[in-house]
N, C-alpha and C. Protein backbone atom coordinates (compact mmCIF):
# COMPACT_ATOMS: atom_id res chain seq x y z
N MET A 1 3.83 18.64 -4.46
CA MET A 1 3.55 17.39 -3.79
C MET A 1 4.77 16.49 -3.93
N THR A 2 5.14 15.83 -2.86
CA THR A 2 6.29 14.93 -2.90
C THR A 2 5.87 13.57 -3.46
N ASN A 3 6.84 12.77 -3.85
CA ASN A 3 6.54 11.42 -4.33
C ASN A 3 5.79 10.62 -3.28
N ALA A 4 6.20 10.74 -2.02
CA ALA A 4 5.55 9.97 -0.96
C ALA A 4 4.09 10.40 -0.79
N THR A 5 3.83 11.69 -0.77
CA THR A 5 2.46 12.18 -0.63
C THR A 5 1.62 11.77 -1.83
N ASP A 6 2.18 11.90 -3.02
CA ASP A 6 1.46 11.49 -4.23
C ASP A 6 1.18 9.99 -4.20
N PHE A 7 2.15 9.21 -3.78
CA PHE A 7 1.96 7.76 -3.68
C PHE A 7 0.81 7.42 -2.74
N VAL A 8 0.81 8.00 -1.55
CA VAL A 8 -0.24 7.70 -0.58
C VAL A 8 -1.60 8.15 -1.12
N THR A 9 -1.67 9.28 -1.75
CA THR A 9 -2.93 9.75 -2.34
C THR A 9 -3.46 8.74 -3.35
N ARG A 10 -2.58 8.28 -4.26
CA ARG A 10 -3.01 7.29 -5.26
C ARG A 10 -3.34 5.94 -4.61
N TYR A 11 -2.56 5.54 -3.62
CA TYR A 11 -2.81 4.28 -2.91
C TYR A 11 -4.18 4.31 -2.24
N LEU A 12 -4.48 5.41 -1.55
CA LEU A 12 -5.77 5.52 -0.86
C LEU A 12 -6.93 5.52 -1.84
N THR A 13 -6.76 6.16 -2.99
CA THR A 13 -7.80 6.12 -4.01
C THR A 13 -8.04 4.68 -4.47
N ALA A 14 -6.96 3.96 -4.74
CA ALA A 14 -7.08 2.56 -5.16
C ALA A 14 -7.71 1.71 -4.05
N TRP A 15 -7.34 1.96 -2.81
CA TRP A 15 -7.87 1.21 -1.67
C TRP A 15 -9.38 1.45 -1.53
N GLN A 16 -9.80 2.68 -1.81
CA GLN A 16 -11.22 3.02 -1.69
C GLN A 16 -12.05 2.49 -2.86
N THR A 17 -11.48 2.45 -4.05
CA THR A 17 -12.27 2.09 -5.23
C THR A 17 -12.11 0.64 -5.66
N ASN A 18 -10.93 0.06 -5.40
CA ASN A 18 -10.58 -1.27 -5.92
C ASN A 18 -10.73 -1.33 -7.44
N ASP A 19 -10.57 -0.21 -8.08
CA ASP A 19 -10.65 -0.14 -9.54
C ASP A 19 -9.28 -0.52 -10.12
N PRO A 20 -9.23 -1.47 -11.06
CA PRO A 20 -7.94 -1.88 -11.62
C PRO A 20 -7.10 -0.73 -12.17
N ALA A 21 -7.72 0.27 -12.79
CA ALA A 21 -6.97 1.41 -13.31
C ALA A 21 -6.35 2.23 -12.17
N ASP A 22 -7.09 2.39 -11.08
CA ASP A 22 -6.56 3.12 -9.92
C ASP A 22 -5.41 2.35 -9.27
N ILE A 23 -5.54 1.03 -9.20
CA ILE A 23 -4.46 0.20 -8.63
C ILE A 23 -3.22 0.31 -9.51
N ALA A 24 -3.39 0.19 -10.81
CA ALA A 24 -2.26 0.26 -11.73
C ALA A 24 -1.57 1.61 -11.68
N ALA A 25 -2.29 2.67 -11.37
CA ALA A 25 -1.70 4.02 -11.31
C ALA A 25 -0.74 4.18 -10.14
N VAL A 26 -0.80 3.29 -9.17
CA VAL A 26 0.07 3.37 -7.99
C VAL A 26 1.46 2.83 -8.29
N PHE A 27 1.53 1.86 -9.21
CA PHE A 27 2.74 1.08 -9.41
C PHE A 27 3.31 1.24 -10.82
N ALA A 28 4.64 1.18 -10.92
CA ALA A 28 5.30 1.13 -12.23
C ALA A 28 4.97 -0.22 -12.88
N PRO A 29 5.03 -0.29 -14.21
CA PRO A 29 4.66 -1.54 -14.89
C PRO A 29 5.41 -2.77 -14.40
N ASP A 30 6.67 -2.61 -14.01
CA ASP A 30 7.48 -3.76 -13.57
C ASP A 30 7.69 -3.79 -12.05
N ALA A 31 6.79 -3.16 -11.31
CA ALA A 31 6.93 -3.06 -9.85
C ALA A 31 6.89 -4.43 -9.18
N VAL A 32 7.44 -4.45 -7.97
CA VAL A 32 7.41 -5.64 -7.13
C VAL A 32 6.68 -5.25 -5.85
N TYR A 33 5.68 -6.06 -5.49
CA TYR A 33 4.83 -5.81 -4.31
C TYR A 33 5.08 -6.92 -3.31
N HIS A 34 5.62 -6.54 -2.15
CA HIS A 34 5.85 -7.48 -1.05
C HIS A 34 4.75 -7.24 -0.02
N PRO A 35 3.78 -8.15 0.11
CA PRO A 35 2.70 -7.91 1.07
C PRO A 35 3.16 -7.99 2.52
N ARG A 36 4.29 -8.59 2.76
CA ARG A 36 4.94 -8.66 4.06
C ARG A 36 6.43 -8.83 3.78
N PRO A 37 7.28 -8.45 4.70
CA PRO A 37 8.71 -8.61 4.44
C PRO A 37 9.14 -10.04 4.17
N ASN A 38 8.51 -11.00 4.82
CA ASN A 38 8.91 -12.39 4.67
C ASN A 38 7.84 -13.21 3.93
N ALA A 39 7.06 -12.56 3.10
CA ALA A 39 5.96 -13.24 2.41
C ALA A 39 6.49 -14.33 1.48
N SER A 40 5.77 -15.43 1.44
CA SER A 40 6.15 -16.51 0.54
C SER A 40 5.73 -16.20 -0.89
N GLN A 41 4.77 -15.29 -1.05
CA GLN A 41 4.29 -14.91 -2.37
C GLN A 41 4.45 -13.40 -2.54
N ILE A 42 5.09 -12.98 -3.62
CA ILE A 42 5.14 -11.58 -3.97
C ILE A 42 4.49 -11.42 -5.34
N ALA A 43 4.07 -10.22 -5.64
CA ALA A 43 3.48 -9.94 -6.95
C ALA A 43 4.48 -9.09 -7.73
N SER A 44 4.77 -9.50 -8.96
CA SER A 44 5.73 -8.78 -9.81
C SER A 44 5.02 -8.32 -11.08
N GLY A 45 5.06 -7.03 -11.31
CA GLY A 45 4.45 -6.46 -12.50
C GLY A 45 2.96 -6.20 -12.29
N ILE A 46 2.44 -5.24 -13.04
CA ILE A 46 1.04 -4.85 -12.93
C ILE A 46 0.12 -6.04 -13.17
N GLU A 47 0.50 -6.93 -14.09
CA GLU A 47 -0.36 -8.08 -14.41
C GLU A 47 -0.57 -9.00 -13.20
N GLU A 48 0.37 -9.02 -12.26
CA GLU A 48 0.22 -9.81 -11.04
C GLU A 48 -0.29 -8.96 -9.87
N ILE A 49 0.11 -7.70 -9.83
CA ILE A 49 -0.25 -6.84 -8.70
C ILE A 49 -1.75 -6.58 -8.66
N VAL A 50 -2.36 -6.24 -9.79
CA VAL A 50 -3.79 -5.92 -9.78
C VAL A 50 -4.63 -7.09 -9.29
N PRO A 51 -4.48 -8.32 -9.84
CA PRO A 51 -5.30 -9.41 -9.31
C PRO A 51 -4.98 -9.75 -7.86
N PHE A 52 -3.70 -9.62 -7.46
CA PHE A 52 -3.34 -9.87 -6.07
C PHE A 52 -4.07 -8.90 -5.16
N TRP A 53 -4.03 -7.63 -5.52
CA TRP A 53 -4.72 -6.58 -4.75
C TRP A 53 -6.20 -6.92 -4.63
N LEU A 54 -6.84 -7.24 -5.76
CA LEU A 54 -8.27 -7.51 -5.76
C LEU A 54 -8.63 -8.75 -4.94
N GLU A 55 -7.74 -9.72 -4.92
CA GLU A 55 -7.97 -10.93 -4.11
C GLU A 55 -7.94 -10.60 -2.62
N GLU A 56 -7.08 -9.66 -2.24
CA GLU A 56 -6.89 -9.29 -0.84
C GLU A 56 -7.64 -8.01 -0.46
N ARG A 57 -8.45 -7.48 -1.35
CA ARG A 57 -9.05 -6.15 -1.17
C ARG A 57 -9.89 -6.02 0.10
N ASP A 58 -9.95 -4.78 0.54
CA ASP A 58 -10.87 -4.38 1.60
C ASP A 58 -12.00 -3.61 0.93
N GLU A 59 -13.20 -3.84 1.36
CA GLU A 59 -14.33 -3.13 0.77
C GLU A 59 -14.35 -1.69 1.27
N PRO A 60 -14.81 -0.77 0.42
CA PRO A 60 -14.88 0.64 0.83
C PRO A 60 -15.71 0.80 2.11
N GLY A 61 -15.24 1.68 2.97
CA GLY A 61 -15.96 1.97 4.20
C GLY A 61 -15.71 1.00 5.34
N THR A 62 -14.85 0.00 5.12
CA THR A 62 -14.60 -0.99 6.17
C THR A 62 -13.32 -0.70 6.95
N TRP A 63 -12.63 0.37 6.61
CA TRP A 63 -11.35 0.66 7.23
C TRP A 63 -11.16 2.17 7.37
N GLU A 64 -10.25 2.53 8.27
CA GLU A 64 -9.81 3.92 8.44
C GLU A 64 -8.29 3.90 8.44
N PHE A 65 -7.66 4.96 7.93
CA PHE A 65 -6.21 4.98 7.82
C PHE A 65 -5.66 6.36 8.14
N GLU A 66 -4.69 6.40 9.01
CA GLU A 66 -3.94 7.62 9.32
C GLU A 66 -2.50 7.37 8.95
N TRP A 67 -1.81 8.39 8.46
CA TRP A 67 -0.44 8.17 8.01
C TRP A 67 0.42 9.41 8.17
N SER A 68 1.73 9.18 8.16
CA SER A 68 2.71 10.26 8.15
C SER A 68 3.97 9.74 7.47
N ILE A 69 4.72 10.65 6.92
CA ILE A 69 5.98 10.30 6.27
C ILE A 69 7.07 10.29 7.33
N ALA A 70 7.71 9.15 7.50
CA ALA A 70 8.79 9.04 8.48
C ALA A 70 10.09 9.59 7.91
N VAL A 71 10.38 9.22 6.66
CA VAL A 71 11.59 9.70 5.98
C VAL A 71 11.37 9.54 4.48
N GLU A 72 11.95 10.47 3.72
CA GLU A 72 11.85 10.35 2.27
C GLU A 72 12.95 11.13 1.57
N ASP A 73 13.22 10.68 0.36
CA ASP A 73 14.00 11.48 -0.57
C ASP A 73 13.30 11.33 -1.92
N ALA A 74 13.92 11.76 -2.99
CA ALA A 74 13.25 11.73 -4.29
C ALA A 74 12.96 10.32 -4.79
N HIS A 75 13.69 9.33 -4.28
CA HIS A 75 13.58 7.97 -4.83
C HIS A 75 13.02 6.93 -3.88
N ALA A 76 12.79 7.30 -2.62
CA ALA A 76 12.32 6.31 -1.66
C ALA A 76 11.65 6.99 -0.48
N ALA A 77 10.83 6.22 0.24
CA ALA A 77 10.18 6.75 1.43
C ALA A 77 9.85 5.62 2.39
N ALA A 78 9.77 5.99 3.66
CA ALA A 78 9.22 5.13 4.70
C ALA A 78 8.01 5.87 5.24
N ILE A 79 6.86 5.22 5.19
CA ILE A 79 5.60 5.86 5.55
C ILE A 79 4.99 5.05 6.70
N ARG A 80 4.68 5.75 7.80
CA ARG A 80 4.05 5.10 8.95
C ARG A 80 2.54 5.25 8.82
N GLY A 81 1.83 4.20 9.18
CA GLY A 81 0.38 4.26 9.12
C GLY A 81 -0.25 3.50 10.26
N VAL A 82 -1.51 3.81 10.49
CA VAL A 82 -2.33 3.06 11.43
C VAL A 82 -3.64 2.77 10.71
N THR A 83 -3.93 1.48 10.55
CA THR A 83 -5.15 1.04 9.90
C THR A 83 -6.08 0.48 10.96
N THR A 84 -7.33 0.93 10.92
CA THR A 84 -8.34 0.45 11.86
C THR A 84 -9.50 -0.16 11.08
N TYR A 85 -9.85 -1.37 11.46
CA TYR A 85 -11.03 -2.06 10.93
C TYR A 85 -12.01 -2.15 12.10
N PRO A 86 -13.06 -1.30 12.12
CA PRO A 86 -13.98 -1.29 13.26
C PRO A 86 -14.75 -2.61 13.43
N THR A 87 -15.03 -3.29 12.33
CA THR A 87 -15.77 -4.55 12.37
C THR A 87 -15.23 -5.48 11.30
N GLY A 88 -15.76 -6.67 11.26
CA GLY A 88 -15.41 -7.60 10.20
C GLY A 88 -14.28 -8.54 10.56
N PRO A 89 -13.85 -9.34 9.58
CA PRO A 89 -12.84 -10.37 9.86
C PRO A 89 -11.48 -9.83 10.27
N LYS A 90 -11.16 -8.62 9.87
CA LYS A 90 -9.87 -8.02 10.24
C LYS A 90 -10.00 -7.08 11.43
N GLN A 91 -11.12 -7.09 12.12
CA GLN A 91 -11.40 -6.14 13.18
C GLN A 91 -10.18 -5.95 14.08
N GLY A 92 -9.82 -4.69 14.27
CA GLY A 92 -8.69 -4.36 15.12
C GLY A 92 -7.93 -3.18 14.56
N THR A 93 -6.80 -2.90 15.19
CA THR A 93 -5.93 -1.81 14.78
C THR A 93 -4.57 -2.39 14.43
N TYR A 94 -4.02 -1.91 13.32
CA TYR A 94 -2.76 -2.42 12.80
C TYR A 94 -1.79 -1.26 12.60
N ASP A 95 -0.55 -1.46 13.03
CA ASP A 95 0.51 -0.50 12.74
C ASP A 95 1.17 -0.93 11.44
N ASN A 96 1.41 0.04 10.56
CA ASN A 96 2.01 -0.22 9.26
C ASN A 96 3.29 0.58 9.09
N LEU A 97 4.23 -0.01 8.39
CA LEU A 97 5.39 0.70 7.88
C LEU A 97 5.51 0.31 6.43
N TRP A 98 5.33 1.28 5.55
CA TRP A 98 5.46 1.04 4.12
C TRP A 98 6.83 1.51 3.66
N LEU A 99 7.56 0.64 3.01
CA LEU A 99 8.84 0.99 2.40
C LEU A 99 8.61 1.03 0.90
N VAL A 100 8.89 2.18 0.30
CA VAL A 100 8.56 2.38 -1.11
C VAL A 100 9.76 2.98 -1.84
N ARG A 101 10.07 2.40 -3.01
CA ARG A 101 11.04 3.00 -3.94
C ARG A 101 10.25 3.50 -5.14
N PHE A 102 10.61 4.68 -5.66
CA PHE A 102 9.86 5.33 -6.73
C PHE A 102 10.62 5.34 -8.05
N ASP A 103 9.86 5.34 -9.15
CA ASP A 103 10.46 5.59 -10.45
C ASP A 103 10.44 7.10 -10.71
N ASP A 104 10.87 7.52 -11.88
CA ASP A 104 10.94 8.96 -12.19
C ASP A 104 9.58 9.62 -12.27
N GLU A 105 8.50 8.83 -12.37
CA GLU A 105 7.15 9.38 -12.41
C GLU A 105 6.45 9.30 -11.05
N GLY A 106 7.18 8.88 -10.02
CA GLY A 106 6.63 8.82 -8.68
C GLY A 106 5.81 7.58 -8.37
N ARG A 107 5.82 6.61 -9.29
CA ARG A 107 5.11 5.36 -9.04
C ARG A 107 6.04 4.41 -8.28
N ALA A 108 5.44 3.49 -7.54
CA ALA A 108 6.24 2.52 -6.78
C ALA A 108 6.86 1.50 -7.73
N VAL A 109 8.17 1.32 -7.61
CA VAL A 109 8.84 0.23 -8.31
C VAL A 109 9.06 -0.94 -7.36
N GLU A 110 9.04 -0.64 -6.06
CA GLU A 110 9.10 -1.68 -5.04
C GLU A 110 8.31 -1.19 -3.83
N PHE A 111 7.45 -2.05 -3.33
CA PHE A 111 6.60 -1.70 -2.20
C PHE A 111 6.59 -2.88 -1.22
N THR A 112 6.91 -2.57 0.04
CA THR A 112 6.84 -3.58 1.09
C THR A 112 5.96 -3.03 2.20
N ASP A 113 4.99 -3.83 2.62
CA ASP A 113 4.07 -3.45 3.68
C ASP A 113 4.39 -4.26 4.92
N TRP A 114 5.00 -3.61 5.91
CA TRP A 114 5.23 -4.24 7.20
C TRP A 114 4.03 -3.88 8.06
N TRP A 115 3.32 -4.86 8.55
CA TRP A 115 2.17 -4.56 9.43
C TRP A 115 2.13 -5.55 10.57
N ILE A 116 1.56 -5.06 11.67
CA ILE A 116 1.41 -5.90 12.85
C ILE A 116 0.13 -5.46 13.58
N ALA A 117 -0.63 -6.43 14.02
CA ALA A 117 -1.85 -6.15 14.77
C ALA A 117 -1.48 -5.72 16.19
N ARG A 118 -2.15 -4.67 16.65
CA ARG A 118 -1.96 -4.26 18.05
C ARG A 118 -2.66 -5.26 18.96
N LYS A 119 -2.08 -5.47 20.12
CA LYS A 119 -2.72 -6.33 21.11
C LYS A 119 -3.97 -5.64 21.63
N LYS A 120 -4.99 -6.43 21.88
CA LYS A 120 -6.25 -5.86 22.36
C LYS A 120 -6.22 -5.65 23.84
């Protein structure tokens, strides 16, 4: 399994469970999480990432996600995704580009989520 595939597997588990241990398993202890490229707030370190994730969480069963690896090497990846929210406040389809840098254990040391809502 590549770092990118392992990352997405752990990310999806955390997204489905919203369990703090599952969220922490995705990121290195000193990771930086950029929720958008130009976000005014970023989360640095597990102590900030876990509560940030939980504040912004999606409930299980409220979303669908398809993904593919656009490019990767041992230390970084660009992952394309499509997130669909069939109902609820985020209802719609979103295109995602995740930029991820990995540590030696395959955890994210830097994660940026570029997303944009598709026009209806």
